Structures are given as C-alpha cells and as structure tokens.
C-alpha cells in the first residue's frame, strides 16, 4: 500500500495522512514498498545524467563522469538517503516524548519517508544535470516536502496544530543539520579518493 499513498500525498495530503495513520505498516514494509524503490529515482537518474548527458560550464565542453565513478557516487547517495530517512525518523520518535505524543506506536520513519516523497520523485530531474534547472526543481521539491511535514505531523501524531507546528519546526531544524553533516561527510569521502573522476 506504500506506493498507493504517493499520488494521494500530491493531490489531497490531508486525507492521505489520515489514511497513512490508519495503516498497519511496519518500518520494514515501508522500506520494501516505498523507500527502497523511490530512493532509486534520483540515484539512477543521477547516474544516467552524469555519464550519458553531462553538463557544461558556460560555453565549455560537456563534462561527464566515468561509469565507475558515477556508480560509486550514486550508490553512496542511495545509501545516504536510506540511512538519512531512518535516522531522521528516530529523531522524530525521540522528540515525540517532548511534545507529549500519546501514541505508543513509533511513527517517525513513516513521517520522514512520506515527507521525502516529493524529493524522491522530482529527483528524476538529475537525468538532465543543468545546475539552474536542478536547483529550481529541487527548491520546488523541498518546499512541498516542508509543506507535507507541517501538514502531516499533527495528523499522524494526533496532536494539536500549534504543538505540531513547534514539533515540525524541530524536525526541520534536525533535517537541515543532517544535510550540512552530509555535505561535510562528502568532503571527507572525496578526500579518501572516492570523488568524481571525469571522462577525459
């Protein structure tokens, strides 16, 4: 049922968050039916875009990555997305105690996964690695994900909207810190020799 929620989150998120809340989906089912599949979209699109299409800086020549280099980087991106969803979900479950969520069922990973859905879907734009187009589409994806977070958290956690707003703001802050940490880790990984290798 996981992928069945995808269209609903894009067309009628309020009703879909209620449906997600009423599901009896486990974290493993969510990974198998939603996260593992959708996280492939930006990874595969990125591999194709960087090896087959390439990008240009100004009027310079088209730059492409070697297939081995692109495969390594896209595999790392895929693993980072899977791990990031799980880690953010655990933070959400930890915060739930602070914001007096009465539900005993941990729903953090579910919230993190479905909130990230627009980013996964619009990650298909990586098939055409133009910096400005990718930035614009990425901004749209992140904006809608933030909207889903603020809209869905009070529904999924069954807490008042005002408390949900504070809770969602805390989650957003942790997400931004994790993103900065991911950028820092990528610098470390590159320094270990797993960086981009360009086609000569």
C-alpha atoms as a PDB file:
ATOM      1  CA  UNK A   1       0.000   0.000   0.000  1.00  0.00           C
ATOM      2  CA  UNK A   2       3.030   2.291   0.427  1.00  0.00           C
ATOM      3  CA  UNK A   3       3.278   3.450  -3.182  1.00  0.00           C
ATOM      4  CA  UNK A   4      -0.509   3.866  -3.216  1.00  0.00           C
ATOM      5  CA  UNK A   5      -0.099   6.814  -0.834  1.00  0.00           C
ATOM      6  CA  UNK A   6       2.249   8.651  -3.187  1.00  0.00           C
ATOM      7  CA  UNK A   7      -0.383  10.113  -5.512  1.00  0.00           C
ATOM      8  CA  UNK A   8      -2.644  10.985  -2.580  1.00  0.00           C
ATOM      9  CA  UNK A   9       0.109  12.987  -0.880  1.00  0.00           C
ATOM     10  CA  UNK A  10       0.418  15.066  -4.045  1.00  0.00           C
ATOM     11  CA  UNK A  11      -3.320  15.594  -4.624  1.00  0.00           C
ATOM     12  CA  UNK A  12      -5.089  15.514  -1.234  1.00  0.00           C
ATOM     13  CA  UNK A  13      -2.458  15.339   1.557  1.00  0.00           C
ATOM     14  CA  UNK A  14      -4.885  15.827   4.481  1.00  0.00           C
ATOM     15  CA  UNK A  15      -6.926  12.738   3.639  1.00  0.00           C
ATOM     16  CA  UNK A  16      -3.830  10.768   2.737  1.00  0.00           C
ATOM     17  CA  UNK A  17      -2.116  11.468   6.058  1.00  0.00           C
ATOM     18  CA  UNK A  18      -5.248  10.134   7.789  1.00  0.00           C
ATOM     19  CA  UNK A  19      -5.072   7.009   5.614  1.00  0.00           C
ATOM     20  CA  UNK A  20      -1.376   6.592   6.423  1.00  0.00           C
ATOM     21  CA  UNK A  21      -2.150   6.921  10.124  1.00  0.00           C
ATOM     22  CA  UNK A  22      -4.742   4.132   9.877  1.00  0.00           C
ATOM     23  CA  UNK A  23      -2.343   1.776   8.087  1.00  0.00           C
ATOM     24  CA  UNK A  24      -0.741  -1.087   9.982  1.00  0.00           C
ATOM     25  CA  UNK A  25       2.501  -0.724   8.055  1.00  0.00           C
ATOM     26  CA  UNK A  26       5.780  -1.703   9.728  1.00  0.00           C
ATOM     27  CA  UNK A  27       9.085   0.066   9.073  1.00  0.00           C
ATOM     28  CA  UNK A  28      10.399  -2.944   7.114  1.00  0.00           C
ATOM     29  CA  UNK A  29       7.250  -2.975   4.940  1.00  0.00           C
ATOM     30  CA  UNK A  30       7.656   0.775   4.390  1.00  0.00           C
ATOM     31  CA  UNK A  31      11.259   0.323   3.258  1.00  0.00           C
ATOM     32  CA  UNK A  32      10.381  -2.549   0.922  1.00  0.00           C
ATOM     33  CA  UNK A  33       7.273  -0.950  -0.548  1.00  0.00           C
ATOM     34  CA  UNK A  34       8.224   2.711  -0.672  1.00  0.00           C
ATOM     35  CA  UNK A  35      11.671   3.941   0.348  1.00  0.00           C
ATOM     36  CA  UNK A  36      13.893   1.402  -1.458  1.00  0.00           C
ATOM     37  CA  UNK A  37      12.008   1.975  -4.722  1.00  0.00           C
ATOM     38  CA  UNK A  38      11.570   5.744  -4.678  1.00  0.00           C
ATOM     39  CA  UNK A  39      15.121   6.450  -3.500  1.00  0.00           C
ATOM     40  CA  UNK A  40      16.309   4.706  -6.678  1.00  0.00           C
ATOM     41  CA  UNK A  41      14.825   7.516  -8.817  1.00  0.00           C
ATOM     42  CA  UNK A  42      17.395  10.251  -8.024  1.00  0.00           C
ATOM     43  CA  UNK A  43      20.253   7.720  -7.828  1.00  0.00           C
ATOM     44  CA  UNK A  44      19.561   6.127 -11.236  1.00  0.00           C
ATOM     45  CA  UNK A  45      18.721   9.485 -12.837  1.00  0.00           C
ATOM     46  CA  UNK A  46      21.951  10.938 -11.458  1.00  0.00           C
ATOM     47  CA  UNK A  47      23.967   8.023 -12.845  1.00  0.00           C
ATOM     48  CA  UNK A  48      22.458   8.429 -16.314  1.00  0.00           C
ATOM     49  CA  UNK A  49      22.717  12.215 -16.304  1.00  0.00           C
ATOM     50  CA  UNK A  50      26.357  12.368 -15.239  1.00  0.00           C
ATOM     51  CA  UNK A  51      27.580   9.565 -17.532  1.00  0.00           C
ATOM     52  CA  UNK A  52      25.433   9.956 -20.658  1.00  0.00           C
ATOM     53  CA  UNK A  53      24.198  13.567 -20.794  1.00  0.00           C
ATOM     54  CA  UNK A  54      26.842  15.515 -18.890  1.00  0.00           C
ATOM     55  CA  UNK A  55      26.864  19.214 -18.029  1.00  0.00           C
ATOM     56  CA  UNK A  56      28.512  22.379 -19.277  1.00  0.00           C
ATOM     57  CA  UNK A  57      30.077  25.337 -17.531  1.00  0.00           C
ATOM     58  CA  UNK A  58      29.474  28.387 -19.726  1.00  0.00           C
ATOM     59  CA  UNK A  59      30.467  27.648 -23.316  1.00  0.00           C
ATOM     60  CA  UNK A  60      32.976  24.990 -22.317  1.00  0.00           C
ATOM     61  CA  UNK A  61      32.939  21.374 -23.325  1.00  0.00           C
ATOM     62  CA  UNK A  62      30.447  18.858 -21.966  1.00  0.00           C
ATOM     63  CA  UNK A  63      31.718  17.220 -18.778  1.00  0.00           C
ATOM     64  CA  UNK A  64      30.858  13.619 -17.910  1.00  0.00           C
ATOM     65  CA  UNK A  65      31.862  11.205 -15.167  1.00  0.00           C
ATOM     66  CA  UNK A  66      33.294   7.764 -15.762  1.00  0.00           C
ATOM     67  CA  UNK A  67      30.780   4.994 -15.167  1.00  0.00           C
ATOM     68  CA  UNK A  68      32.758   3.590 -12.231  1.00  0.00           C
ATOM     69  CA  UNK A  69      32.981   6.984 -10.528  1.00  0.00           C
ATOM     70  CA  UNK A  70      29.301   7.776 -11.137  1.00  0.00           C
ATOM     71  CA  UNK A  71      28.270   4.342  -9.855  1.00  0.00           C
ATOM     72  CA  UNK A  72      30.240   4.827  -6.634  1.00  0.00           C
ATOM     73  CA  UNK A  73      28.832   8.306  -6.014  1.00  0.00           C
ATOM     74  CA  UNK A  74      25.232   7.327  -6.840  1.00  0.00           C
ATOM     75  CA  UNK A  75      25.483   4.223  -4.625  1.00  0.00           C
ATOM     76  CA  UNK A  76      26.711   6.443  -1.767  1.00  0.00           C
ATOM     77  CA  UNK A  77      23.829   8.862  -2.424  1.00  0.00           C
ATOM     78  CA  UNK A  78      21.352   5.958  -2.321  1.00  0.00           C
ATOM     79  CA  UNK A  79      22.741   4.625   0.963  1.00  0.00           C
ATOM     80  CA  UNK A  80      22.789   8.160   2.428  1.00  0.00           C
ATOM     81  CA  UNK A  81      19.095   8.645   1.543  1.00  0.00           C
ATOM     82  CA  UNK A  82      18.107   5.305   3.101  1.00  0.00           C
ATOM     83  CA  UNK A  83      20.129   5.973   6.233  1.00  0.00           C
ATOM     84  CA  UNK A  84      19.017   9.602   6.457  1.00  0.00           C
ATOM     85  CA  UNK A  85      15.333   8.650   6.432  1.00  0.00           C
ATOM     86  CA  UNK A  86      15.871   6.118   9.220  1.00  0.00           C
ATOM     87  CA  UNK A  87      17.993   8.475  11.334  1.00  0.00           C
ATOM     88  CA  UNK A  88      15.565  11.384  10.946  1.00  0.00           C
ATOM     89  CA  UNK A  89      12.714   9.028  11.831  1.00  0.00           C
ATOM     90  CA  UNK A  90      14.427   8.042  15.061  1.00  0.00           C
ATOM     91  CA  UNK A  91      14.933  11.711  15.947  1.00  0.00           C
ATOM     92  CA  UNK A  92      11.212  12.275  15.367  1.00  0.00           C
ATOM     93  CA  UNK A  93      10.347   9.392  17.710  1.00  0.00           C
ATOM     94  CA  UNK A  94      12.697  10.864  20.325  1.00  0.00           C
ATOM     95  CA  UNK A  95      11.079  14.311  20.003  1.00  0.00           C
ATOM     96  CA  UNK A  96       7.617  12.747  20.318  1.00  0.00           C
ATOM     97  CA  UNK A  97       8.165  12.364  24.059  1.00  0.00           C
ATOM     98  CA  UNK A  98       8.967  16.071  24.416  1.00  0.00           C
ATOM     99  CA  UNK A  99       5.825  17.103  22.541  1.00  0.00           C
ATOM    100  CA  UNK A 100       3.585  14.750  24.568  1.00  0.00           C
ATOM    101  CA  UNK A 101       2.556  12.428  21.762  1.00  0.00           C
ATOM    102  CA  UNK A 102       0.320   9.834  23.400  1.00  0.00           C
ATOM    103  CA  UNK A 103       0.535   7.222  20.636  1.00  0.00           C
ATOM    104  CA  UNK A 104       2.778   4.299  21.636  1.00  0.00           C
ATOM    105  CA  UNK A 105       3.454   3.291  18.023  1.00  0.00           C
ATOM    106  CA  UNK A 106       6.677   4.887  16.706  1.00  0.00           C
ATOM    107  CA  UNK A 107       5.775   6.806  13.545  1.00  0.00           C
ATOM    108  CA  UNK A 108       8.972   8.780  12.931  1.00  0.00           C
ATOM    109  CA  UNK A 109      10.295   6.775   9.983  1.00  0.00           C
ATOM    110  CA  UNK A 110       6.826   6.793   8.393  1.00  0.00           C
ATOM    111  CA  UNK A 111       6.655  10.590   8.671  1.00  0.00           C
ATOM    112  CA  UNK A 112      10.211  11.057   7.367  1.00  0.00           C
ATOM    113  CA  UNK A 113       9.679   8.699   4.413  1.00  0.00           C
ATOM    114  CA  UNK A 114       6.396  10.136   3.187  1.00  0.00           C
ATOM    115  CA  UNK A 115       7.584  13.702   3.734  1.00  0.00           C
ATOM    116  CA  UNK A 116      10.592  12.994   1.489  1.00  0.00           C
ATOM    117  CA  UNK A 117       8.383  11.636  -1.333  1.00  0.00           C
ATOM    118  CA  UNK A 118       8.452  14.847  -3.483  1.00  0.00           C
ATOM    119  CA  UNK A 119      12.258  14.951  -3.254  1.00  0.00           C
ATOM    120  CA  UNK A 120      12.474  11.326  -4.403  1.00  0.00           C
ATOM    121  CA  UNK A 121      10.035  11.832  -7.266  1.00  0.00           C
ATOM    122  CA  UNK A 122      11.453  15.102  -8.563  1.00  0.00           C
ATOM    123  CA  UNK A 123      14.946  13.627  -8.285  1.00  0.00           C
ATOM    124  CA  UNK A 124      14.261  12.376 -11.808  1.00  0.00           C
ATOM    125  CA  UNK A 125      15.446  15.821 -12.991  1.00  0.00           C
ATOM    126  CA  UNK A 126      19.027  14.644 -12.311  1.00  0.00           C
ATOM    127  CA  UNK A 127      18.741  12.906 -15.681  1.00  0.00           C
ATOM    128  CA  UNK A 128      19.457  16.353 -17.148  1.00  0.00           C
ATOM    129  CA  UNK A 129      22.228  17.805 -14.957  1.00  0.00           C
ATOM    130  CA  UNK A 130      21.765  21.512 -15.593  1.00  0.00           C
ATOM    131  CA  UNK A 131      22.622  23.420 -12.399  1.00  0.00           C
ATOM    132  CA  UNK A 132      19.874  26.069 -12.649  1.00  0.00           C
ATOM    133  CA  UNK A 133      17.099  23.679 -13.662  1.00  0.00           C
ATOM    134  CA  UNK A 134      18.120  21.204 -10.952  1.00  0.00           C
ATOM    135  CA  UNK A 135      18.171  23.979  -8.332  1.00  0.00           C
ATOM    136  CA  UNK A 136      14.703  25.244  -9.319  1.00  0.00           C
ATOM    137  CA  UNK A 137      13.141  21.777  -9.347  1.00  0.00           C
ATOM    138  CA  UNK A 138      14.953  20.914  -6.101  1.00  0.00           C
ATOM    139  CA  UNK A 139      13.547  24.035  -4.465  1.00  0.00           C
ATOM    140  CA  UNK A 140      10.008  23.051  -5.518  1.00  0.00           C
ATOM    141  CA  UNK A 141      10.532  19.512  -4.151  1.00  0.00           C
ATOM    142  CA  UNK A 142      11.941  20.702  -0.819  1.00  0.00           C
ATOM    143  CA  UNK A 143       9.190  23.329  -0.433  1.00  0.00           C
ATOM    144  CA  UNK A 144       6.455  20.738  -0.929  1.00  0.00           C
ATOM    145  CA  UNK A 145       8.215  18.330   1.436  1.00  0.00           C
ATOM    146  CA  UNK A 146       8.269  21.025   4.130  1.00  0.00           C
ATOM    147  CA  UNK A 147       4.558  21.640   3.495  1.00  0.00           C
ATOM    148  CA  UNK A 148       3.873  17.895   3.894  1.00  0.00           C
ATOM    149  CA  UNK A 149       5.839  17.885   7.147  1.00  0.00           C
ATOM    150  CA  UNK A 150       3.857  20.747   8.696  1.00  0.00           C
ATOM    151  CA  UNK A 151       0.567  19.400   7.339  1.00  0.00           C
ATOM    152  CA  UNK A 152       1.107  15.756   8.198  1.00  0.00           C
ATOM    153  CA  UNK A 153       2.838  15.766  11.548  1.00  0.00           C
ATOM    154  CA  UNK A 154      -0.163  16.874  13.673  1.00  0.00           C
ATOM    155  CA  UNK A 155      -2.407  14.394  11.829  1.00  0.00           C
ATOM    156  CA  UNK A 156      -0.019  11.450  12.069  1.00  0.00           C
ATOM    157  CA  UNK A 157       0.911  12.128  15.698  1.00  0.00           C
ATOM    158  CA  UNK A 158      -2.615  13.189  16.722  1.00  0.00           C
ATOM    159  CA  UNK A 159      -1.552  16.375  18.474  1.00  0.00           C
ATOM    160  CA  UNK A 160      -2.979  19.931  18.318  1.00  0.00           C
ATOM    161  CA  UNK A 161      -1.833  22.006  15.296  1.00  0.00           C
ATOM    162  CA  UNK A 162       0.010  24.578  17.425  1.00  0.00           C
ATOM    163  CA  UNK A 163       2.075  21.871  19.134  1.00  0.00           C
ATOM    164  CA  UNK A 164       2.506  20.192  15.748  1.00  0.00           C
ATOM    165  CA  UNK A 165       3.962  23.420  14.344  1.00  0.00           C
ATOM    166  CA  UNK A 166       6.667  23.515  17.030  1.00  0.00           C
ATOM    167  CA  UNK A 167       7.347  19.790  16.616  1.00  0.00           C
ATOM    168  CA  UNK A 168       7.638  20.129  12.815  1.00  0.00           C
ATOM    169  CA  UNK A 169       9.984  23.111  13.226  1.00  0.00           C
ATOM    170  CA  UNK A 170      12.261  20.985  15.422  1.00  0.00           C
ATOM    171  CA  UNK A 171      12.232  18.192  12.834  1.00  0.00           C
ATOM    172  CA  UNK A 172      13.043  20.679  10.067  1.00  0.00           C
ATOM    173  CA  UNK A 173      15.993  22.006  12.066  1.00  0.00           C
ATOM    174  CA  UNK A 174      17.379  18.490  12.575  1.00  0.00           C
ATOM    175  CA  UNK A 175      16.903  17.796   8.863  1.00  0.00           C
ATOM    176  CA  UNK A 176      18.928  20.884   7.941  1.00  0.00           C
ATOM    177  CA  UNK A 177      21.693  19.930  10.384  1.00  0.00           C
ATOM    178  CA  UNK A 178      21.773  16.426   8.878  1.00  0.00           C
ATOM    179  CA  UNK A 179      22.044  17.931   5.380  1.00  0.00           C
ATOM    180  CA  UNK A 180      25.035  20.061   6.419  1.00  0.00           C
ATOM    181  CA  UNK A 181      26.570  16.980   8.059  1.00  0.00           C
ATOM    182  CA  UNK A 182      26.090  15.045   4.808  1.00  0.00           C
ATOM    183  CA  UNK A 183      27.928  17.772   2.890  1.00  0.00           C
ATOM    184  CA  UNK A 184      30.788  17.598   5.390  1.00  0.00           C
ATOM    185  CA  UNK A 185      30.902  13.795   5.103  1.00  0.00           C
ATOM    186  CA  UNK A 186      31.021  14.025   1.308  1.00  0.00           C
ATOM    187  CA  UNK A 187      34.168  16.179   1.590  1.00  0.00           C
ATOM    188  CA  UNK A 188      35.740  13.515   3.827  1.00  0.00           C
ATOM    189  CA  UNK A 189      34.758  10.744   1.388  1.00  0.00           C
ATOM    190  CA  UNK A 190      36.219  12.704  -1.536  1.00  0.00           C
ATOM    191  CA  UNK A 191      39.479  13.143   0.380  1.00  0.00           C
ATOM    192  CA  UNK A 192      39.627   9.330   0.725  1.00  0.00           C
ATOM    193  CA  UNK A 193      39.731   9.009  -3.050  1.00  0.00           C
ATOM    194  CA  UNK A 194      36.047   8.292  -3.752  1.00  0.00           C
ATOM    195  CA  UNK A 195      35.449  11.515  -5.652  1.00  0.00           C
ATOM    196  CA  UNK A 196      34.335  12.316  -9.166  1.00  0.00           C
ATOM    197  CA  UNK A 197      36.520  11.053 -11.999  1.00  0.00           C
ATOM    198  CA  UNK A 198      35.869  12.808 -15.294  1.00  0.00           C
ATOM    199  CA  UNK A 199      35.912  11.321 -18.768  1.00  0.00           C
ATOM    200  CA  UNK A 200      38.989  12.689 -20.478  1.00  0.00           C
END
